[in-house]
Each structure stands twice: as structure tokens, then as C-alpha cells.
Amino acid sequence: MATPAQQAQDERVADVLMAMEGQPIDTIRCAPIVVLSQDAPLPIVGLHAAGRHFTLSLEEARCVAIAVRMEDASPDAQALAASIGMAATMTELLWLRAHCQILRLRLEDATR
């Protein structure tokens, strides 16, 4: 049985897929985003489709990419799926970099 968090994630992925349905593929955009804070950076993927903006966790973005890849074998859809997957990967790399910088700053502060 799915947990409430898993159900919420499934609903968000379904919402994104419904917004993307019927939209020209070249109008769907995604981008890596890392929200910086003192505690810890937050990795999210921004996706814009059908006039709506979605902020997805890395796992949600990867689920969307997999669903797009499985639903439509056209080259454009496969390119979109790859683009969403790449945005998730780039977000993760940017998050790691930001996290390392925060740790470095904390270490420098602790040694002063």
C-alpha cells in the first residue's frame, strides 16, 4: 500500500503528465533549480507546460521522464524525456556543488 507521500508524488506526476498531454513538445520547457538556504540546498526541477509551472523533486522529474519515454516513441518525445532526465541529473550535480560549498564554509567558520 502506498504511503501518503508516495500518493502525493503519484498525483503530482499525473498532474504534470496531464498538463503536457496534447501540448506541442517544443513548448514544454524544463530547467534545473537549486534553492539555496543556510541549512541545506533544495534540488528541484522546474517544468513549464500548458501555461503552468511545476516544481518537481528529482524523483518526480525522473518519473515524468520515464512516463514520457514509455508513452510516446516519437523522436521528439524521446528527446523531451531525455531533456527532463538531463535536467534532473544537472540539478543533482548543482545540488552537490552547493552542498559542498556550504560544508566548506561551515568548516572554515569552525576553524576560525
C-alpha atoms as a PDB file:
ATOM      1  CA  MET A   1       0.000   0.000   0.000  1.00  0.00           C
ATOM      2  CA  ALA A   2       1.329   3.416  -0.938  1.00  0.00           C
ATOM      3  CA  THR A   3       2.222   5.872   1.781  1.00  0.00           C
ATOM      4  CA  PRO A   4       0.654   9.352   1.770  1.00  0.00           C
ATOM      5  CA  ALA A   5       3.947  10.776   0.472  1.00  0.00           C
ATOM      6  CA  GLN A   6       4.000   8.267  -2.401  1.00  0.00           C
ATOM      7  CA  GLN A   7       0.369   9.030  -3.228  1.00  0.00           C
ATOM      8  CA  ALA A   8       1.122  12.772  -3.292  1.00  0.00           C
ATOM      9  CA  GLN A   9       4.097  12.136  -5.582  1.00  0.00           C
ATOM     10  CA  ASP A  10       1.986   9.986  -7.906  1.00  0.00           C
ATOM     11  CA  GLU A  11      -0.665  12.720  -8.054  1.00  0.00           C
ATOM     12  CA  ARG A  12       1.946  15.398  -8.879  1.00  0.00           C
ATOM     13  CA  VAL A  13       3.444  13.253 -11.646  1.00  0.00           C
ATOM     14  CA  ALA A  14      -0.043  12.562 -13.054  1.00  0.00           C
ATOM     15  CA  ASP A  15      -0.850  16.300 -12.900  1.00  0.00           C
ATOM     16  CA  VAL A  16       2.297  17.146 -14.880  1.00  0.00           C
ATOM     17  CA  LEU A  17       1.597  14.430 -17.451  1.00  0.00           C
ATOM     18  CA  MET A  18      -1.974  15.683 -17.897  1.00  0.00           C
ATOM     19  CA  ALA A  19      -0.707  19.253 -18.409  1.00  0.00           C
ATOM     20  CA  MET A  20       1.770  18.005 -21.007  1.00  0.00           C
ATOM     21  CA  GLU A  21      -0.832  15.926 -22.850  1.00  0.00           C
ATOM     22  CA  GLY A  22      -1.727  17.424 -26.206  1.00  0.00           C
ATOM     23  CA  GLN A  23       0.838  20.213 -25.899  1.00  0.00           C
ATOM     24  CA  PRO A  24       3.335  20.698 -28.725  1.00  0.00           C
ATOM     25  CA  ILE A  25       6.551  19.160 -27.462  1.00  0.00           C
ATOM     26  CA  ASP A  26       8.598  22.203 -28.432  1.00  0.00           C
ATOM     27  CA  THR A  27       6.555  24.342 -25.986  1.00  0.00           C
ATOM     28  CA  ILE A  28       7.439  22.243 -22.921  1.00  0.00           C
ATOM     29  CA  ARG A  29      10.466  23.523 -21.018  1.00  0.00           C
ATOM     30  CA  CYS A  30      12.436  22.216 -18.060  1.00  0.00           C
ATOM     31  CA  ALA A  31      15.348  23.567 -16.061  1.00  0.00           C
ATOM     32  CA  PRO A  32      17.498  22.578 -13.098  1.00  0.00           C
ATOM     33  CA  ILE A  33      16.915  24.671  -9.969  1.00  0.00           C
ATOM     34  CA  VAL A  34      18.728  24.596  -6.644  1.00  0.00           C
ATOM     35  CA  VAL A  35      17.179  26.674  -3.875  1.00  0.00           C
ATOM     36  CA  LEU A  36      19.950  27.809  -1.546  1.00  0.00           C
ATOM     37  CA  SER A  37      19.471  28.159   2.191  1.00  0.00           C
ATOM     38  CA  GLN A  38      21.674  28.165   5.256  1.00  0.00           C
ATOM     39  CA  ASP A  39      20.527  24.708   6.309  1.00  0.00           C
ATOM     40  CA  ALA A  40      20.791  22.778   3.071  1.00  0.00           C
ATOM     41  CA  PRO A  41      20.230  23.389  -0.627  1.00  0.00           C
ATOM     42  CA  LEU A  42      16.989  22.033  -2.062  1.00  0.00           C
ATOM     43  CA  PRO A  43      17.214  20.376  -5.501  1.00  0.00           C
ATOM     44  CA  ILE A  44      14.147  20.768  -7.729  1.00  0.00           C
ATOM     45  CA  VAL A  45      13.412  20.622 -11.432  1.00  0.00           C
ATOM     46  CA  GLY A  46      11.270  23.340 -12.945  1.00  0.00           C
ATOM     47  CA  LEU A  47       8.932  22.294 -15.743  1.00  0.00           C
ATOM     48  CA  HIS A  48       6.663  24.585 -17.750  1.00  0.00           C
ATOM     49  CA  ALA A  49       3.784  23.111 -19.755  1.00  0.00           C
ATOM     50  CA  ALA A  50       0.359  24.369 -20.837  1.00  0.00           C
ATOM     51  CA  GLY A  51       0.908  27.748 -19.210  1.00  0.00           C
ATOM     52  CA  ARG A  52       1.595  26.138 -15.824  1.00  0.00           C
ATOM     53  CA  HIS A  53       4.840  25.946 -13.905  1.00  0.00           C
ATOM     54  CA  PHE A  54       5.662  22.865 -11.848  1.00  0.00           C
ATOM     55  CA  THR A  55       8.454  22.353  -9.346  1.00  0.00           C
ATOM     56  CA  LEU A  56       9.336  18.681  -9.112  1.00  0.00           C
ATOM     57  CA  SER A  57      11.596  16.681  -6.860  1.00  0.00           C
ATOM     58  CA  LEU A  58      14.371  14.774  -8.604  1.00  0.00           C
ATOM     59  CA  GLU A  59      12.393  11.551  -8.279  1.00  0.00           C
ATOM     60  CA  GLU A  60       9.216  13.137  -9.665  1.00  0.00           C
ATOM     61  CA  ALA A  61      11.124  14.553 -12.645  1.00  0.00           C
ATOM     62  CA  ARG A  62      12.630  11.165 -13.374  1.00  0.00           C
ATOM     63  CA  CYS A  63       9.168   9.544 -13.146  1.00  0.00           C
ATOM     64  CA  VAL A  64       7.820  12.082 -15.653  1.00  0.00           C
ATOM     65  CA  ALA A  65      10.748  11.393 -17.985  1.00  0.00           C
ATOM     66  CA  ILE A  66      10.189   7.647 -17.796  1.00  0.00           C
ATOM     67  CA  ALA A  67       6.448   8.014 -18.411  1.00  0.00           C
ATOM     68  CA  VAL A  68       7.032  10.239 -21.457  1.00  0.00           C
ATOM     69  CA  ARG A  69       9.617   7.782 -22.792  1.00  0.00           C
ATOM     70  CA  MET A  70       7.226   4.849 -22.358  1.00  0.00           C
ATOM     71  CA  GLU A  71       4.088   6.562 -23.728  1.00  0.00           C
ATOM     72  CA  ASP A  72       5.454   8.027 -26.951  1.00  0.00           C
ATOM     73  CA  ALA A  73       8.167   6.512 -29.129  1.00  0.00           C
ATOM     74  CA  SER A  74       8.443   9.521 -31.437  1.00  0.00           C
ATOM     75  CA  PRO A  75      11.897  11.118 -31.655  1.00  0.00           C
ATOM     76  CA  ASP A  76      10.560  14.416 -30.289  1.00  0.00           C
ATOM     77  CA  ALA A  77       9.042  12.738 -27.232  1.00  0.00           C
ATOM     78  CA  GLN A  78      12.229  10.752 -26.653  1.00  0.00           C
ATOM     79  CA  ALA A  79      14.218  13.992 -26.841  1.00  0.00           C
ATOM     80  CA  LEU A  80      11.845  15.616 -24.332  1.00  0.00           C
ATOM     81  CA  ALA A  81      12.207  12.647 -21.976  1.00  0.00           C
ATOM     82  CA  ALA A  82      15.994  12.878 -22.272  1.00  0.00           C
ATOM     83  CA  SER A  83      15.827  16.620 -21.613  1.00  0.00           C
ATOM     84  CA  ILE A  84      13.777  16.142 -18.445  1.00  0.00           C
ATOM     85  CA  GLY A  85      16.131  13.384 -17.287  1.00  0.00           C
ATOM     86  CA  MET A  86      19.142  15.586 -18.019  1.00  0.00           C
ATOM     87  CA  ALA A  87      17.589  18.461 -16.048  1.00  0.00           C
ATOM     88  CA  ALA A  88      17.226  16.102 -13.061  1.00  0.00           C
ATOM     89  CA  THR A  89      20.847  14.999 -13.387  1.00  0.00           C
ATOM     90  CA  MET A  90      22.110  18.581 -13.721  1.00  0.00           C
ATOM     91  CA  THR A  91      20.022  19.593 -10.700  1.00  0.00           C
ATOM     92  CA  GLU A  92      21.612  16.826  -8.685  1.00  0.00           C
ATOM     93  CA  LEU A  93      25.107  17.920  -9.724  1.00  0.00           C
ATOM     94  CA  LEU A  94      24.364  21.562  -8.901  1.00  0.00           C
ATOM     95  CA  TRP A  95      22.907  20.485  -5.570  1.00  0.00           C
ATOM     96  CA  LEU A  96      26.065  18.521  -4.743  1.00  0.00           C
ATOM     97  CA  ARG A  97      28.212  21.530  -5.613  1.00  0.00           C
ATOM     98  CA  ALA A  98      26.119  23.863  -3.458  1.00  0.00           C
ATOM     99  CA  HIS A  99      26.122  21.357  -0.599  1.00  0.00           C
ATOM    100  CA  CYS A 100      29.925  21.071  -0.775  1.00  0.00           C
ATOM    101  CA  GLN A 101      30.273  24.856  -0.727  1.00  0.00           C
ATOM    102  CA  ILE A 102      28.063  25.103   2.358  1.00  0.00           C
ATOM    103  CA  LEU A 103      30.093  22.403   4.092  1.00  0.00           C
ATOM    104  CA  ARG A 104      33.326  24.182   3.170  1.00  0.00           C
ATOM    105  CA  LEU A 105      32.020  27.468   4.592  1.00  0.00           C
ATOM    106  CA  ARG A 106      30.955  25.739   7.807  1.00  0.00           C
ATOM    107  CA  LEU A 107      34.392  24.154   8.125  1.00  0.00           C
ATOM    108  CA  GLU A 108      36.100  27.499   7.585  1.00  0.00           C
ATOM    109  CA  ASP A 109      33.874  29.104  10.214  1.00  0.00           C
ATOM    110  CA  ALA A 110      34.613  26.297  12.682  1.00  0.00           C
ATOM    111  CA  THR A 111      38.377  26.637  12.276  1.00  0.00           C
ATOM    112  CA  ARG A 112      38.438  30.394  12.891  1.00  0.00           C
END
